[in-house]
Amino acid sequence: MTDTNLEKLKKALDNRECTINQQSKVMEITFKKEVDAEWFENICLSRKGESALSCMMSLKPPGKNQFKFIFNITDIECFIEIMNRD
């Protein structure tokens, strides 16, 4: 993912309280609020056919108030477009 695409993704999620960590081909997004995590998960699950991401795993570490998603992005531009729609 290019720096430009990462900045576009951050902008698409700027009204959500989250952190974004990119590793080679894996993206990790951690939300502080459950409502934001549910919003994100619902969008990703409802748009599965658009093939913007794959292998999504959600985690809620015990004792922490955070909601983490780890996934592969297959089409970053499509993923950013999906985040901007809702």
PDB file of N, CA and C in Angstrom:
ATOM      1  N   MET A   1       0.849  -1.168   0.000  1.00  0.00           N
ATOM      2  CA  MET A   1       0.000   0.000   0.000  1.00  0.00           C
ATOM      3  C   MET A   1       0.894   1.230   0.000  1.00  0.00           C
ATOM      4  N   THR A   2       0.545   2.189  -0.817  1.00  0.00           N
ATOM      5  CA  THR A   2       1.340   3.407  -0.883  1.00  0.00           C
ATOM      6  C   THR A   2       0.991   4.327   0.277  1.00  0.00           C
ATOM      7  N   ASP A   3       1.879   5.274   0.542  1.00  0.00           N
ATOM      8  CA  ASP A   3       1.612   6.257   1.590  1.00  0.00           C
ATOM      9  C   ASP A   3       0.361   7.067   1.278  1.00  0.00           C
ATOM     10  N   THR A   4       0.140   7.346  -0.005  1.00  0.00           N
ATOM     11  CA  THR A   4      -1.049   8.094  -0.417  1.00  0.00           C
ATOM     12  C   THR A   4      -2.311   7.323  -0.079  1.00  0.00           C
ATOM     13  N   ASN A   5      -2.322   6.027  -0.369  1.00  0.00           N
ATOM     14  CA  ASN A   5      -3.500   5.214  -0.047  1.00  0.00           C
ATOM     15  C   ASN A   5      -3.708   5.106   1.448  1.00  0.00           C
ATOM     16  N   LEU A   6      -2.625   4.997   2.208  1.00  0.00           N
ATOM     17  CA  LEU A   6      -2.745   4.936   3.662  1.00  0.00           C
ATOM     18  C   LEU A   6      -3.341   6.243   4.191  1.00  0.00           C
ATOM     19  N   GLU A   7      -2.931   7.360   3.655  1.00  0.00           N
ATOM     20  CA  GLU A   7      -3.488   8.648   4.064  1.00  0.00           C
ATOM     21  C   GLU A   7      -4.966   8.750   3.695  1.00  0.00           C
ATOM     22  N   LYS A   8      -5.345   8.251   2.529  1.00  0.00           N
ATOM     23  CA  LYS A   8      -6.760   8.244   2.119  1.00  0.00           C
ATOM     24  C   LYS A   8      -7.592   7.392   3.067  1.00  0.00           C
ATOM     25  N   LEU A   9      -7.052   6.245   3.474  1.00  0.00           N
ATOM     26  CA  LEU A   9      -7.763   5.375   4.410  1.00  0.00           C
ATOM     27  C   LEU A   9      -7.915   6.063   5.757  1.00  0.00           C
ATOM     28  N   LYS A  10      -6.852   6.701   6.237  1.00  0.00           N
ATOM     29  CA  LYS A  10      -6.933   7.428   7.513  1.00  0.00           C
ATOM     30  C   LYS A  10      -7.987   8.528   7.438  1.00  0.00           C
ATOM     31  N   LYS A  11      -8.046   9.221   6.301  1.00  0.00           N
ATOM     32  CA  LYS A  11      -9.041  10.277   6.133  1.00  0.00           C
ATOM     33  C   LYS A  11     -10.453   9.695   6.130  1.00  0.00           C
ATOM     34  N   ALA A  12     -10.636   8.535   5.484  1.00  0.00           N
ATOM     35  CA  ALA A  12     -11.959   7.898   5.442  1.00  0.00           C
ATOM     36  C   ALA A  12     -12.423   7.486   6.837  1.00  0.00           C
ATOM     37  N   LEU A  13     -11.480   7.203   7.723  1.00  0.00           N
ATOM     38  CA  LEU A  13     -11.821   6.771   9.089  1.00  0.00           C
ATOM     39  C   LEU A  13     -11.578   7.868  10.124  1.00  0.00           C
ATOM     40  N   ASP A  14     -11.373   9.107   9.701  1.00  0.00           N
ATOM     41  CA  ASP A  14     -10.982  10.149  10.644  1.00  0.00           C
ATOM     42  C   ASP A  14     -12.044  10.508  11.671  1.00  0.00           C
ATOM     43  N   ASN A  15     -13.319  10.210  11.403  1.00  0.00           N
ATOM     44  CA  ASN A  15     -14.362  10.499  12.388  1.00  0.00           C
ATOM     45  C   ASN A  15     -14.593   9.324  13.342  1.00  0.00           C
ATOM     46  N   ARG A  16     -13.764   8.279  13.205  1.00  0.00           N
ATOM     47  CA  ARG A  16     -13.834   7.119  14.100  1.00  0.00           C
ATOM     48  C   ARG A  16     -12.576   7.125  14.956  1.00  0.00           C
ATOM     49  N   GLU A  17     -12.718   6.789  16.195  1.00  0.00           N
ATOM     50  CA  GLU A  17     -11.558   6.763  17.087  1.00  0.00           C
ATOM     51  C   GLU A  17     -10.846   5.423  16.914  1.00  0.00           C
ATOM     52  N   CYS A  18      -9.787   5.429  16.076  1.00  0.00           N
ATOM     53  CA  CYS A  18      -9.092   4.184  15.791  1.00  0.00           C
ATOM     54  C   CYS A  18      -7.631   4.442  15.455  1.00  0.00           C
ATOM     55  N   THR A  19      -6.853   3.373  15.511  1.00  0.00           N
ATOM     56  CA  THR A  19      -5.471   3.420  15.062  1.00  0.00           C
ATOM     57  C   THR A  19      -5.325   2.416  13.925  1.00  0.00           C
ATOM     58  N   ILE A  20      -4.464   2.744  12.989  1.00  0.00           N
ATOM     59  CA  ILE A  20      -4.234   1.898  11.825  1.00  0.00           C
ATOM     60  C   ILE A  20      -2.760   1.531  11.790  1.00  0.00           C
ATOM     61  N   ASN A  21      -2.492   0.243  11.736  1.00  0.00           N
ATOM     62  CA  ASN A  21      -1.122  -0.253  11.624  1.00  0.00           C
ATOM     63  C   ASN A  21      -1.027  -1.101  10.376  1.00  0.00           C
ATOM     64  N   GLN A  22      -0.080  -0.771   9.541  1.00  0.00           N
ATOM     65  CA  GLN A  22       0.116  -1.540   8.319  1.00  0.00           C
ATOM     66  C   GLN A  22       1.400  -2.341   8.442  1.00  0.00           C
ATOM     67  N   GLN A  23       1.286  -3.609   8.119  1.00  0.00           N
ATOM     68  CA  GLN A  23       2.449  -4.474   8.025  1.00  0.00           C
ATOM     69  C   GLN A  23       2.434  -4.991   6.603  1.00  0.00           C
ATOM     70  N   SER A  24       3.493  -5.474   6.095  1.00  0.00           N
ATOM     71  CA  SER A  24       3.650  -5.807   4.679  1.00  0.00           C
ATOM     72  C   SER A  24       2.332  -5.974   3.925  1.00  0.00           C
ATOM     73  N   LYS A  25       1.595  -7.039   4.149  1.00  0.00           N
ATOM     74  CA  LYS A  25       0.327  -7.243   3.441  1.00  0.00           C
ATOM     75  C   LYS A  25      -0.855  -7.325   4.383  1.00  0.00           C
ATOM     76  N   VAL A  26      -0.619  -7.117   5.644  1.00  0.00           N
ATOM     77  CA  VAL A  26      -1.680  -7.236   6.639  1.00  0.00           C
ATOM     78  C   VAL A  26      -1.958  -5.861   7.240  1.00  0.00           C
ATOM     79  N   MET A  27      -3.246  -5.566   7.392  1.00  0.00           N
ATOM     80  CA  MET A  27      -3.670  -4.305   7.988  1.00  0.00           C
ATOM     81  C   MET A  27      -4.300  -4.605   9.336  1.00  0.00           C
ATOM     82  N   GLU A  28      -4.029  -3.747  10.288  1.00  0.00           N
ATOM     83  CA  GLU A  28      -4.614  -3.882  11.626  1.00  0.00           C
ATOM     84  C   GLU A  28      -5.257  -2.558  11.984  1.00  0.00           C
ATOM     85  N   ILE A  29      -6.541  -2.602  12.326  1.00  0.00           N
ATOM     86  CA  ILE A  29      -7.256  -1.402  12.763  1.00  0.00           C
ATOM     87  C   ILE A  29      -7.835  -1.698  14.134  1.00  0.00           C
ATOM     88  N   THR A  30      -7.562  -0.817  15.083  1.00  0.00           N
ATOM     89  CA  THR A  30      -8.045  -0.980  16.447  1.00  0.00           C
ATOM     90  C   THR A  30      -8.947   0.196  16.789  1.00  0.00           C
ATOM     91  N   PHE A  31     -10.163  -0.110  17.192  1.00  0.00           N
ATOM     92  CA  PHE A  31     -11.137   0.905  17.579  1.00  0.00           C
ATOM     93  C   PHE A  31     -11.239   0.954  19.096  1.00  0.00           C
ATOM     94  N   LYS A  32     -11.440   2.145  19.630  1.00  0.00           N
ATOM     95  CA  LYS A  32     -11.595   2.306  21.068  1.00  0.00           C
ATOM     96  C   LYS A  32     -13.050   2.173  21.499  1.00  0.00           C
ATOM     97  N   LYS A  33     -13.962   2.490  20.582  1.00  0.00           N
ATOM     98  CA  LYS A  33     -15.384   2.444  20.914  1.00  0.00           C
ATOM     99  C   LYS A  33     -16.045   1.256  20.217  1.00  0.00           C
ATOM    100  N   GLU A  34     -16.864   0.548  20.972  1.00  0.00           N
ATOM    101  CA  GLU A  34     -17.557  -0.619  20.428  1.00  0.00           C
ATOM    102  C   GLU A  34     -18.466  -0.237  19.267  1.00  0.00           C
ATOM    103  N   VAL A  35     -19.102   0.919  19.332  1.00  0.00           N
ATOM    104  CA  VAL A  35     -20.004   1.347  18.261  1.00  0.00           C
ATOM    105  C   VAL A  35     -19.234   1.524  16.950  1.00  0.00           C
ATOM    106  N   ASP A  36     -18.021   2.053  17.007  1.00  0.00           N
ATOM    107  CA  ASP A  36     -17.206   2.209  15.801  1.00  0.00           C
ATOM    108  C   ASP A  36     -16.759   0.854  15.262  1.00  0.00           C
ATOM    109  N   ALA A  37     -16.416  -0.059  16.163  1.00  0.00           N
ATOM    110  CA  ALA A  37     -16.013  -1.409  15.749  1.00  0.00           C
ATOM    111  C   ALA A  37     -17.174  -2.132  15.076  1.00  0.00           C
ATOM    112  N   GLU A  38     -18.363  -1.995  15.633  1.00  0.00           N
ATOM    113  CA  GLU A  38     -19.541  -2.623  15.029  1.00  0.00           C
ATOM    114  C   GLU A  38     -19.835  -2.022  13.663  1.00  0.00           C
ATOM    115  N   TRP A  39     -19.694  -0.707  13.535  1.00  0.00           N
ATOM    116  CA  TRP A  39     -19.897  -0.036  12.251  1.00  0.00           C
ATOM    117  C   TRP A  39     -18.950  -0.623  11.211  1.00  0.00           C
ATOM    118  N   PHE A  40     -17.671  -0.724  11.561  1.00  0.00           N
ATOM    119  CA  PHE A  40     -16.658  -1.231  10.654  1.00  0.00           C
ATOM    120  C   PHE A  40     -16.941  -2.685  10.266  1.00  0.00           C
ATOM    121  N   GLU A  41     -17.224  -3.509  11.253  1.00  0.00           N
ATOM    122  CA  GLU A  41     -17.473  -4.921  10.991  1.00  0.00           C
ATOM    123  C   GLU A  41     -18.711  -5.113  10.109  1.00  0.00           C
ATOM    124  N   ASN A  42     -19.762  -4.358  10.381  1.00  0.00           N
ATOM    125  CA  ASN A  42     -20.988  -4.466   9.577  1.00  0.00           C
ATOM    126  C   ASN A  42     -20.738  -4.073   8.123  1.00  0.00           C
ATOM    127  N   ILE A  43     -19.968  -3.026   7.906  1.00  0.00           N
ATOM    128  CA  ILE A  43     -19.653  -2.615   6.536  1.00  0.00           C
ATOM    129  C   ILE A  43     -18.859  -3.718   5.835  1.00  0.00           C
ATOM    130  N   CYS A  44     -17.842  -4.226   6.498  1.00  0.00           N
ATOM    131  CA  CYS A  44     -16.998  -5.258   5.884  1.00  0.00           C
ATOM    132  C   CYS A  44     -17.793  -6.522   5.583  1.00  0.00           C
ATOM    133  N   LEU A  45     -18.646  -6.930   6.487  1.00  0.00           N
ATOM    134  CA  LEU A  45     -19.422  -8.142   6.276  1.00  0.00           C
ATOM    135  C   LEU A  45     -20.485  -7.957   5.189  1.00  0.00           C
ATOM    136  N   SER A  46     -21.079  -6.784   5.131  1.00  0.00           N
ATOM    137  CA  SER A  46     -22.130  -6.550   4.135  1.00  0.00           C
ATOM    138  C   SER A  46     -21.565  -6.333   2.736  1.00  0.00           C
ATOM    139  N   ARG A  47     -20.277  -6.039   2.636  1.00  0.00           N
ATOM    140  CA  ARG A  47     -19.653  -5.779   1.334  1.00  0.00           C
ATOM    141  C   ARG A  47     -18.683  -6.891   0.920  1.00  0.00           C
ATOM    142  N   LYS A  48     -18.840  -8.083   1.489  1.00  0.00           N
ATOM    143  CA  LYS A  48     -17.934  -9.198   1.202  1.00  0.00           C
ATOM    144  C   LYS A  48     -17.774  -9.466  -0.288  1.00  0.00           C
ATOM    145  N   GLY A  49     -18.848  -9.341  -1.048  1.00  0.00           N
ATOM    146  CA  GLY A  49     -18.801  -9.624  -2.471  1.00  0.00           C
ATOM    147  C   GLY A  49     -17.957  -8.653  -3.276  1.00  0.00           C
ATOM    148  N   GLU A  50     -17.591  -7.526  -2.680  1.00  0.00           N
ATOM    149  CA  GLU A  50     -16.810  -6.537  -3.414  1.00  0.00           C
ATOM    150  C   GLU A  50     -15.320  -6.847  -3.386  1.00  0.00           C
ATOM    151  N   SER A  51     -14.922  -7.864  -2.660  1.00  0.00           N
ATOM    152  CA  SER A  51     -13.549  -8.369  -2.648  1.00  0.00           C
ATOM    153  C   SER A  51     -12.488  -7.312  -2.339  1.00  0.00           C
ATOM    154  N   ALA A  52     -12.775  -6.405  -1.445  1.00  0.00           N
ATOM    155  CA  ALA A  52     -11.787  -5.395  -1.070  1.00  0.00           C
ATOM    156  C   ALA A  52     -10.821  -5.920  -0.006  1.00  0.00           C
ATOM    157  N   LEU A  53     -11.278  -6.911   0.764  1.00  0.00           N
ATOM    158  CA  LEU A  53     -10.405  -7.477   1.778  1.00  0.00           C
ATOM    159  C   LEU A  53     -10.691  -8.957   1.931  1.00  0.00           C
ATOM    160  N   SER A  54      -9.761  -9.641   2.577  1.00  0.00           N
ATOM    161  CA  SER A  54      -9.940 -11.076   2.803  1.00  0.00           C
ATOM    162  C   SER A  54      -9.368 -11.455   4.153  1.00  0.00           C
ATOM    163  N   CYS A  55      -9.776 -12.598   4.621  1.00  0.00           N
ATOM    164  CA  CYS A  55      -9.240 -13.187   5.857  1.00  0.00           C
ATOM    165  C   CYS A  55      -9.367 -12.261   7.063  1.00  0.00           C
ATOM    166  N   MET A  56     -10.526 -11.638   7.236  1.00  0.00           N
ATOM    167  CA  MET A  56     -10.699 -10.730   8.370  1.00  0.00           C
ATOM    168  C   MET A  56     -10.873 -11.515   9.663  1.00  0.00           C
ATOM    169  N   MET A  57     -10.150 -11.084  10.676  1.00  0.00           N
ATOM    170  CA  MET A  57     -10.232 -11.683  11.996  1.00  0.00           C
ATOM    171  C   MET A  57     -10.491 -10.542  12.982  1.00  0.00           C
ATOM    172  N   SER A  58     -11.448 -10.728  13.862  1.00  0.00           N
ATOM    173  CA  SER A  58     -11.708  -9.704  14.878  1.00  0.00           C
ATOM    174  C   SER A  58     -11.297 -10.238  16.246  1.00  0.00           C
ATOM    175  N   LEU A  59     -10.753  -9.335  17.055  1.00  0.00           N
ATOM    176  CA  LEU A  59     -10.269  -9.693  18.384  1.00  0.00           C
ATOM    177  C   LEU A  59     -10.710  -8.646  19.397  1.00  0.00           C
ATOM    178  N   LYS A  60     -11.000  -9.090  20.584  1.00  0.00           N
ATOM    179  CA  LYS A  60     -11.227  -8.174  21.694  1.00  0.00           C
ATOM    180  C   LYS A  60     -10.382  -8.688  22.851  1.00  0.00           C
ATOM    181  N   PRO A  61      -9.198  -8.091  23.011  1.00  0.00           N
ATOM    182  CA  PRO A  61      -8.318  -8.562  24.089  1.00  0.00           C
ATOM    183  C   PRO A  61      -9.011  -8.472  25.452  1.00  0.00           C
ATOM    184  N   PRO A  62      -8.905  -9.531  26.258  1.00  0.00           N
ATOM    185  CA  PRO A  62      -9.560  -9.520  27.572  1.00  0.00           C
ATOM    186  C   PRO A  62      -9.048  -8.375  28.436  1.00  0.00           C
ATOM    187  N   GLY A  63      -9.973  -7.719  29.103  1.00  0.00           N
ATOM    188  CA  GLY A  63      -9.617  -6.663  30.032  1.00  0.00           C
ATOM    189  C   GLY A  63      -9.266  -5.342  29.373  1.00  0.00           C
ATOM    190  N   LYS A  64      -9.348  -5.268  28.060  1.00  0.00           N
ATOM    191  CA  LYS A  64      -9.028  -4.015  27.380  1.00  0.00           C
ATOM    192  C   LYS A  64     -10.262  -3.509  26.659  1.00  0.00           C
ATOM    193  N   ASN A  65     -10.419  -2.219  26.664  1.00  0.00           N
ATOM    194  CA  ASN A  65     -11.541  -1.609  25.974  1.00  0.00           C
ATOM    195  C   ASN A  65     -11.109  -1.211  24.562  1.00  0.00           C
ATOM    196  N   GLN A  66     -10.825  -2.226  23.766  1.00  0.00           N
ATOM    197  CA  GLN A  66     -10.460  -1.986  22.370  1.00  0.00           C
ATOM    198  C   GLN A  66     -10.932  -3.152  21.523  1.00  0.00           C
ATOM    199  N   PHE A  67     -11.133  -2.874  20.261  1.00  0.00           N
ATOM    200  CA  PHE A  67     -11.679  -3.851  19.333  1.00  0.00           C
ATOM    201  C   PHE A  67     -10.783  -3.848  18.106  1.00  0.00           C
ATOM    202  N   LYS A  68     -10.134  -4.962  17.848  1.00  0.00           N
ATOM    203  CA  LYS A  68      -9.103  -5.036  16.826  1.00  0.00           C
ATOM    204  C   LYS A  68      -9.539  -5.917  15.670  1.00  0.00           C
ATOM    205  N   PHE A  69      -9.219  -5.469  14.451  1.00  0.00           N
ATOM    206  CA  PHE A  69      -9.478  -6.225  13.231  1.00  0.00           C
ATOM    207  C   PHE A  69      -8.165  -6.367  12.478  1.00  0.00           C
ATOM    208  N   ILE A  70      -7.878  -7.578  12.062  1.00  0.00           N
ATOM    209  CA  ILE A  70      -6.673  -7.862  11.282  1.00  0.00           C
ATOM    210  C   ILE A  70      -7.143  -8.524   9.988  1.00  0.00           C
ATOM    211  N   PHE A  71      -6.632  -8.038   8.854  1.00  0.00           N
ATOM    212  CA  PHE A  71      -7.100  -8.547   7.572  1.00  0.00           C
ATOM    213  C   PHE A  71      -6.108  -8.236   6.470  1.00  0.00           C
ATOM    214  N   ASN A  72      -6.297  -8.884   5.342  1.00  0.00           N
ATOM    215  CA  ASN A  72      -5.534  -8.602   4.132  1.00  0.00           C
ATOM    216  C   ASN A  72      -6.392  -7.707   3.248  1.00  0.00           C
ATOM    217  N   ILE A  73      -5.772  -6.715   2.650  1.00  0.00           N
ATOM    218  CA  ILE A  73      -6.484  -5.867   1.697  1.00  0.00           C
ATOM    219  C   ILE A  73      -6.127  -6.334   0.301  1.00  0.00           C
ATOM    220  N   THR A  74      -7.154  -6.683  -0.462  1.00  0.00           N
ATOM    221  CA  THR A  74      -6.916  -7.132  -1.831  1.00  0.00           C
ATOM    222  C   THR A  74      -7.033  -5.982  -2.821  1.00  0.00           C
ATOM    223  N   ASP A  75      -7.800  -4.953  -2.459  1.00  0.00           N
ATOM    224  CA  ASP A  75      -7.973  -3.788  -3.335  1.00  0.00           C
ATOM    225  C   ASP A  75      -8.158  -2.556  -2.451  1.00  0.00           C
ATOM    226  N   ILE A  76      -7.067  -1.839  -2.191  1.00  0.00           N
ATOM    227  CA  ILE A  76      -7.109  -0.705  -1.265  1.00  0.00           C
ATOM    228  C   ILE A  76      -8.037   0.400  -1.760  1.00  0.00           C
ATOM    229  N   GLU A  77      -8.036   0.681  -3.046  1.00  0.00           N
ATOM    230  CA  GLU A  77      -8.890   1.750  -3.551  1.00  0.00           C
ATOM    231  C   GLU A  77     -10.368   1.419  -3.364  1.00  0.00           C
ATOM    232  N   CYS A  78     -10.735   0.176  -3.602  1.00  0.00           N
ATOM    233  CA  CYS A  78     -12.115  -0.267  -3.381  1.00  0.00           C
ATOM    234  C   CYS A  78     -12.457  -0.187  -1.893  1.00  0.00           C
ATOM    235  N   PHE A  79     -11.520  -0.601  -1.039  1.00  0.00           N
ATOM    236  CA  PHE A  79     -11.733  -0.561   0.409  1.00  0.00           C
ATOM    237  C   PHE A  79     -11.954   0.870   0.889  1.00  0.00           C
ATOM    238  N   ILE A  80     -11.144   1.808   0.411  1.00  0.00           N
ATOM    239  CA  ILE A  80     -11.302   3.213   0.789  1.00  0.00           C
ATOM    240  C   ILE A  80     -12.660   3.740   0.314  1.00  0.00           C
ATOM    241  N   GLU A  81     -13.052   3.377  -0.894  1.00  0.00           N
ATOM    242  CA  GLU A  81     -14.342   3.793  -1.425  1.00  0.00           C
ATOM    243  C   GLU A  81     -15.486   3.274  -0.541  1.00  0.00           C
ATOM    244  N   ILE A  82     -15.387   2.018  -0.105  1.00  0.00           N
ATOM    245  CA  ILE A  82     -16.403   1.431   0.768  1.00  0.00           C
ATOM    246  C   ILE A  82     -16.475   2.194   2.088  1.00  0.00           C
ATOM    247  N   MET A  83     -15.340   2.529   2.682  1.00  0.00           N
ATOM    248  CA  MET A  83     -15.314   3.261   3.948  1.00  0.00           C
ATOM    249  C   MET A  83     -15.907   4.658   3.780  1.00  0.00           C
ATOM    250  N   ASN A  84     -15.697   5.264   2.630  1.00  0.00           N
ATOM    251  CA  ASN A  84     -16.230   6.615   2.389  1.00  0.00           C
ATOM    252  C   ASN A  84     -17.721   6.642   2.120  1.00  0.00           C
ATOM    253  N   ARG A  85     -18.308   5.525   1.707  1.00  0.00           N
ATOM    254  CA  ARG A  85     -19.736   5.464   1.397  1.00  0.00           C
ATOM    255  C   ARG A  85     -20.599   5.606   2.634  1.00  0.00           C
ATOM    256  N   ASP A  86     -20.145   5.050   3.747  1.00  0.00           N
ATOM    257  CA  ASP A  86     -21.021   4.990   4.925  1.00  0.00           C
ATOM    258  C   ASP A  86     -20.618   5.934   5.991  1.00  0.00           C
TER     259      ASP A  86
END
